[in-house]
N, C-alpha and C. Protein backbone atom coordinates (compact mmCIF):
# COMPACT_ATOMS: atom_id res chain seq x y z
N MET A 1 98.76 126.40 80.76
CA MET A 1 99.87 126.13 80.25
C MET A 1 100.93 125.80 80.93
N GLY A 2 101.42 126.23 81.82
CA GLY A 2 102.37 125.78 82.44
C GLY A 2 103.98 125.69 82.33
N ILE A 3 104.88 125.23 83.25
CA ILE A 3 106.45 125.41 82.90
C ILE A 3 106.68 124.83 81.70
N GLY A 4 106.09 123.48 81.17
CA GLY A 4 106.48 122.79 80.23
C GLY A 4 105.69 123.48 79.18
N GLY A 5 104.82 124.23 78.71
CA GLY A 5 104.41 124.91 77.82
C GLY A 5 105.11 126.44 77.48
N GLY A 6 105.69 126.73 78.53
CA GLY A 6 106.62 127.89 78.32
C GLY A 6 107.94 127.46 77.57
N ILE A 7 108.60 126.57 78.22
CA ILE A 7 109.81 125.91 77.60
C ILE A 7 109.39 125.66 76.19
N ALA A 8 108.59 124.70 75.97
CA ALA A 8 108.22 124.48 74.31
C ALA A 8 108.04 125.74 73.54
N LEU A 9 107.36 126.99 74.15
CA LEU A 9 107.34 127.81 73.13
C LEU A 9 108.68 128.74 73.10
N ILE A 10 109.44 128.47 74.10
CA ILE A 10 110.87 129.04 73.91
C ILE A 10 111.67 128.49 72.85
N VAL A 11 111.65 127.07 73.00
CA VAL A 11 112.32 126.46 71.99
C VAL A 11 111.95 126.38 70.76
N ILE A 12 110.71 126.50 70.36
CA ILE A 12 110.04 126.81 69.01
C ILE A 12 110.41 128.16 68.72
N GLY A 13 110.67 128.96 69.67
CA GLY A 13 110.85 130.46 69.06
C GLY A 13 112.23 130.61 68.59
N ALA A 14 113.11 130.12 69.09
CA ALA A 14 114.79 129.60 69.23
C ALA A 14 114.80 129.14 67.87
N ILE A 15 114.11 127.81 67.48
CA ILE A 15 114.34 127.06 66.12
C ILE A 15 113.84 128.17 65.08
N LEU A 16 112.86 128.88 65.04
CA LEU A 16 112.24 129.89 64.04
C LEU A 16 113.26 130.81 63.78
N SER A 17 113.76 131.17 64.90
CA SER A 17 114.36 132.36 64.90
C SER A 17 116.01 132.58 64.37
N PHE A 18 116.40 131.10 65.03
CA PHE A 18 117.81 131.15 64.55
C PHE A 18 118.25 129.90 63.61
N GLY A 19 117.44 128.77 63.49
CA GLY A 19 117.52 127.86 62.68
C GLY A 19 116.85 127.76 61.62
N VAL A 20 115.58 128.32 61.05
CA VAL A 20 115.35 128.03 59.77
C VAL A 20 115.78 129.21 58.94
N SER A 21 116.17 128.94 57.48
CA SER A 21 117.01 129.79 56.89
C SER A 21 116.00 130.12 55.68
N ASP A 22 114.70 129.05 55.61
CA ASP A 22 113.89 129.34 54.59
C ASP A 22 113.22 130.54 54.82
N ALA A 23 112.72 131.10 53.33
CA ALA A 23 111.89 132.37 53.31
C ALA A 23 110.28 132.14 52.73
N VAL A 24 109.45 132.59 53.64
CA VAL A 24 108.04 132.41 53.06
C VAL A 24 107.23 133.53 53.08
N GLU A 25 107.06 134.04 51.68
CA GLU A 25 106.45 135.06 51.35
C GLU A 25 105.53 135.82 51.92
N GLY A 26 105.72 136.97 52.68
CA GLY A 26 105.01 137.90 53.18
C GLY A 26 105.01 137.49 55.04
N VAL A 27 105.89 136.48 55.34
CA VAL A 27 106.15 136.04 56.52
C VAL A 27 107.36 136.26 57.00
N ASN A 28 107.85 136.61 57.88
CA ASN A 28 108.96 136.89 58.52
C ASN A 28 109.23 135.99 59.88
N LEU A 29 109.88 134.58 59.44
CA LEU A 29 109.75 133.65 60.37
C LEU A 29 110.68 134.27 61.57
N THR A 30 111.94 135.08 61.63
CA THR A 30 112.60 135.54 62.55
C THR A 30 111.71 136.34 63.52
N VAL A 31 110.81 137.12 63.09
CA VAL A 31 110.04 138.12 64.14
C VAL A 31 109.11 136.93 65.03
N ILE A 32 108.67 136.08 64.07
CA ILE A 32 107.57 134.95 64.76
C ILE A 32 108.33 134.19 65.50
N GLY A 33 109.60 134.01 65.64
CA GLY A 33 110.34 133.41 66.68
C GLY A 33 110.46 134.21 67.82
N TYR A 34 111.05 135.20 67.45
CA TYR A 34 111.14 136.27 68.69
C TYR A 34 109.83 136.42 69.35
N ILE A 35 108.76 136.55 68.94
CA ILE A 35 107.57 136.57 69.66
C ILE A 35 107.20 135.28 70.28
N CYS A 36 107.68 134.07 69.90
CA CYS A 36 107.07 132.99 70.39
C CYS A 36 107.91 132.70 71.73
N MET A 37 109.47 133.21 71.56
CA MET A 37 110.31 133.09 72.63
C MET A 37 109.98 133.85 73.86
N GLY A 38 109.25 135.27 73.35
CA GLY A 38 108.93 136.28 74.45
C GLY A 38 107.53 135.73 75.16
N ALA A 39 106.87 135.12 74.57
CA ALA A 39 105.45 134.41 74.93
C ALA A 39 105.78 133.50 75.90
N GLY A 40 106.82 132.47 75.70
CA GLY A 40 107.45 131.36 76.24
C GLY A 40 107.95 131.92 77.54
N VAL A 41 108.69 132.86 77.62
CA VAL A 41 109.33 133.62 78.78
C VAL A 41 108.17 134.02 79.73
N ILE A 42 107.42 134.67 79.51
CA ILE A 42 106.24 135.32 80.11
C ILE A 42 105.30 134.10 80.82
N ALA A 43 105.08 133.07 79.86
CA ALA A 43 104.28 131.74 80.24
C ALA A 43 105.26 131.18 81.46
N LEU A 44 106.56 130.81 81.10
CA LEU A 44 107.70 130.56 82.12
C LEU A 44 107.51 131.02 83.35
N ILE A 45 107.52 132.65 83.60
CA ILE A 45 107.67 133.34 84.46
C ILE A 45 106.18 133.15 85.29
N LEU A 46 105.36 133.39 84.61
CA LEU A 46 103.50 133.21 85.17
C LEU A 46 103.76 131.89 86.16
N ALA A 47 104.01 130.80 84.99
CA ALA A 47 103.73 129.66 85.84
C ALA A 47 104.67 129.21 86.92
N ILE A 48 105.82 129.94 87.35
CA ILE A 48 106.67 129.69 88.27
C ILE A 48 105.95 130.41 89.50
N VAL A 49 105.26 131.94 89.12
CA VAL A 49 104.92 132.91 90.43
C VAL A 49 103.64 131.68 91.11
N LEU A 50 102.75 131.17 90.05
CA LEU A 50 101.49 130.48 90.49
C LEU A 50 101.86 129.41 91.15
N ASN A 51 102.89 128.30 90.70
CA ASN A 51 103.24 127.14 91.62
C ASN A 51 103.90 127.74 93.14
N ASN A 52 104.68 129.09 93.13
CA ASN A 52 105.09 129.53 94.48
C ASN A 52 104.03 129.81 95.27
N GLN A 53 102.85 130.40 94.99
CA GLN A 53 101.69 131.14 95.41
C GLN A 53 100.87 129.80 96.16
N ARG A 54 100.66 128.76 95.50
CA ARG A 54 100.05 127.48 95.84
C ARG A 54 100.90 126.98 96.87
N SER A 55 102.09 126.68 96.87
CA SER A 55 102.92 125.91 98.02
C SER A 55 103.03 126.68 99.09
N ASN A 56 102.78 128.18 99.22
CA ASN A 56 102.50 128.93 100.54
C ASN A 56 101.82 128.97 101.39
N THR A 57 100.58 128.13 100.83
CA THR A 57 99.16 128.21 101.73
C THR A 57 99.79 127.17 102.59
N SER A 58 99.07 127.69 103.85
CA SER A 58 99.22 126.89 105.40
C SER A 58 97.61 126.42 105.71
N HIS A 59 98.08 125.26 106.21
CA HIS A 59 96.32 124.50 106.51
C HIS A 59 96.67 124.07 108.23
N THR A 60 95.69 124.71 108.67
CA THR A 60 95.69 124.53 109.99
C THR A 60 94.33 124.02 110.57
N ALA A 61 94.17 123.29 111.75
CA ALA A 61 92.98 122.48 112.08
C ALA A 61 92.61 123.01 113.16
N VAL A 62 91.27 123.52 113.39
CA VAL A 62 90.69 124.28 114.44
C VAL A 62 90.09 123.25 115.21
N VAL A 63 90.37 123.23 116.42
CA VAL A 63 89.96 122.10 117.58
C VAL A 63 88.96 123.15 118.55
N GLU A 64 87.95 122.81 118.82
CA GLU A 64 87.30 123.34 119.81
C GLU A 64 87.15 122.63 120.93
N GLN A 65 87.36 123.33 122.40
CA GLN A 65 87.35 122.43 123.27
C GLN A 65 86.47 123.40 124.30
N ARG A 66 85.36 122.99 125.08
CA ARG A 66 84.54 123.48 126.02
C ARG A 66 84.78 123.00 127.31
N THR A 67 85.34 124.16 128.13
CA THR A 67 85.65 123.64 129.60
C THR A 67 85.04 124.72 130.29
N THR A 68 84.67 124.11 131.70
CA THR A 68 84.17 125.19 132.70
C THR A 68 85.19 125.58 133.60
N PRO A 69 85.02 126.92 133.72
CA PRO A 69 86.31 127.44 134.62
C PRO A 69 86.34 126.80 135.97
N ASN A 70 87.32 126.86 136.43
CA ASN A 70 87.57 126.37 137.86
C ASN A 70 86.86 125.29 138.55
N ALA A 71 86.72 124.35 137.33
CA ALA A 71 86.14 123.24 137.84
C ALA A 71 86.98 121.93 137.96
N PRO A 72 87.11 121.05 138.65
CA PRO A 72 87.81 119.90 138.67
C PRO A 72 87.48 119.26 137.54
N PRO A 73 88.44 118.31 137.08
CA PRO A 73 87.93 117.67 136.07
C PRO A 73 87.24 116.58 136.49
N ALA A 74 86.05 116.15 135.43
CA ALA A 74 85.24 115.15 136.13
C ALA A 74 86.28 113.73 136.49
N GLN A 75 85.57 113.14 137.38
CA GLN A 75 86.01 111.83 137.97
C GLN A 75 84.67 110.92 138.33
N ALA A 76 85.20 109.58 138.47
CA ALA A 76 83.99 108.57 138.43
C ALA A 76 83.73 108.83 139.93
N ALA A 77 82.50 108.76 140.09
CA ALA A 77 82.02 108.95 141.53
C ALA A 77 82.47 107.47 142.42
N PRO A 78 82.91 107.68 143.55
CA PRO A 78 83.05 106.31 144.13
C PRO A 78 81.88 105.53 144.54
N ALA A 79 81.71 104.35 144.86
CA ALA A 79 80.79 103.67 145.00
C ALA A 79 80.18 103.63 146.53
N ALA A 80 79.06 104.60 146.66
CA ALA A 80 78.63 104.74 147.70
C ALA A 80 77.89 103.47 148.41
N PRO A 81 78.31 103.26 149.92
CA PRO A 81 77.76 102.11 150.56
C PRO A 81 76.33 102.58 150.65
N PRO A 82 75.49 100.83 150.78
CA PRO A 82 74.04 101.00 150.72
C PRO A 82 73.44 101.96 151.42
N ALA A 83 72.53 102.34 151.29
CA ALA A 83 71.91 103.58 152.32
C ALA A 83 71.00 102.46 153.40
N ALA A 84 70.87 103.25 154.34
CA ALA A 84 70.12 102.33 155.44
C ALA A 84 68.66 102.95 155.13
N PRO A 85 67.81 101.97 155.75
CA PRO A 85 66.10 102.44 155.92
C PRO A 85 66.07 103.60 156.71
N VAL A 86 65.18 104.29 156.22
CA VAL A 86 65.13 105.47 156.89
C VAL A 86 63.88 105.09 158.13
N GLN A 87 64.21 105.82 159.19
CA GLN A 87 63.32 105.15 160.04
C GLN A 87 62.75 106.61 160.56
N GLN A 88 61.34 106.37 160.63
CA GLN A 88 60.64 107.77 161.27
C GLN A 88 60.36 107.94 162.81
N THR A 89 60.66 108.82 163.56
CA THR A 89 60.17 108.72 164.73
C THR A 89 59.44 109.92 165.27
N TYR A 90 58.57 109.56 166.11
CA TYR A 90 57.41 110.61 166.04
C TYR A 90 57.80 110.63 167.61
N GLN A 91 57.40 112.63 167.95
CA GLN A 91 57.63 112.60 169.22
C GLN A 91 56.44 113.37 169.68
N GLN A 92 56.09 113.34 170.89
CA GLN A 92 54.54 113.70 171.41
C GLN A 92 54.94 115.10 171.91
N GLN A 93 54.33 116.24 171.60
CA GLN A 93 54.21 117.54 172.00
C GLN A 93 53.62 117.54 173.55
N GLN A 94 54.45 118.10 174.20
CA GLN A 94 54.01 118.54 175.87
C GLN A 94 53.08 119.27 175.86
N PRO A 95 51.98 119.58 176.77
CA PRO A 95 51.04 120.61 176.83
C PRO A 95 52.07 121.73 177.25
N PRO A 96 51.63 122.62 176.96
CA PRO A 96 52.14 124.12 177.74
C PRO A 96 52.20 123.99 179.30
N PRO A 97 53.07 124.63 179.66
CA PRO A 97 53.26 124.98 181.26
C PRO A 97 51.85 125.63 181.61
N ALA A 98 51.30 125.39 182.83
CA ALA A 98 50.22 125.87 183.48
C ALA A 98 50.65 127.43 183.87
N ALA A 99 49.55 127.92 183.75
CA ALA A 99 49.89 129.67 184.29
C ALA A 99 50.15 129.66 185.77
N PRO A 100 50.98 130.49 186.13
CA PRO A 100 51.14 130.52 187.67
C PRO A 100 50.10 130.94 188.58
N PRO A 101 50.21 130.46 189.64
CA PRO A 101 48.99 130.77 190.53
C PRO A 101 48.85 132.22 191.02
N ALA A 102 47.60 132.42 191.17
CA ALA A 102 47.22 134.09 191.21
C ALA A 102 47.57 134.29 193.00
N VAL A 103 47.98 135.36 193.24
CA VAL A 103 48.14 135.68 195.00
C VAL A 103 47.21 136.70 195.03
């Protein structure tokens, strides 16, 4: 219904209760006007309360970020000089020393 519907009910009820002087047999227009005004006031209050609840909502954005503890930030690796070719050297093993001469 909303705010406009509540105001419309209040206006229609006021017209029926205060502005109409005709009498319809079996219907009391003054009481119907009061009922419409009461329903309009209730509708108006409910519409205002519901609109305030809608405007009190908060919107938050959750941003997840994963970092490693105690680690420096990642940096670009420095350019390494070209690797020199690997040279293999062989060493000859010397024979074990001779036993001492017996006396």
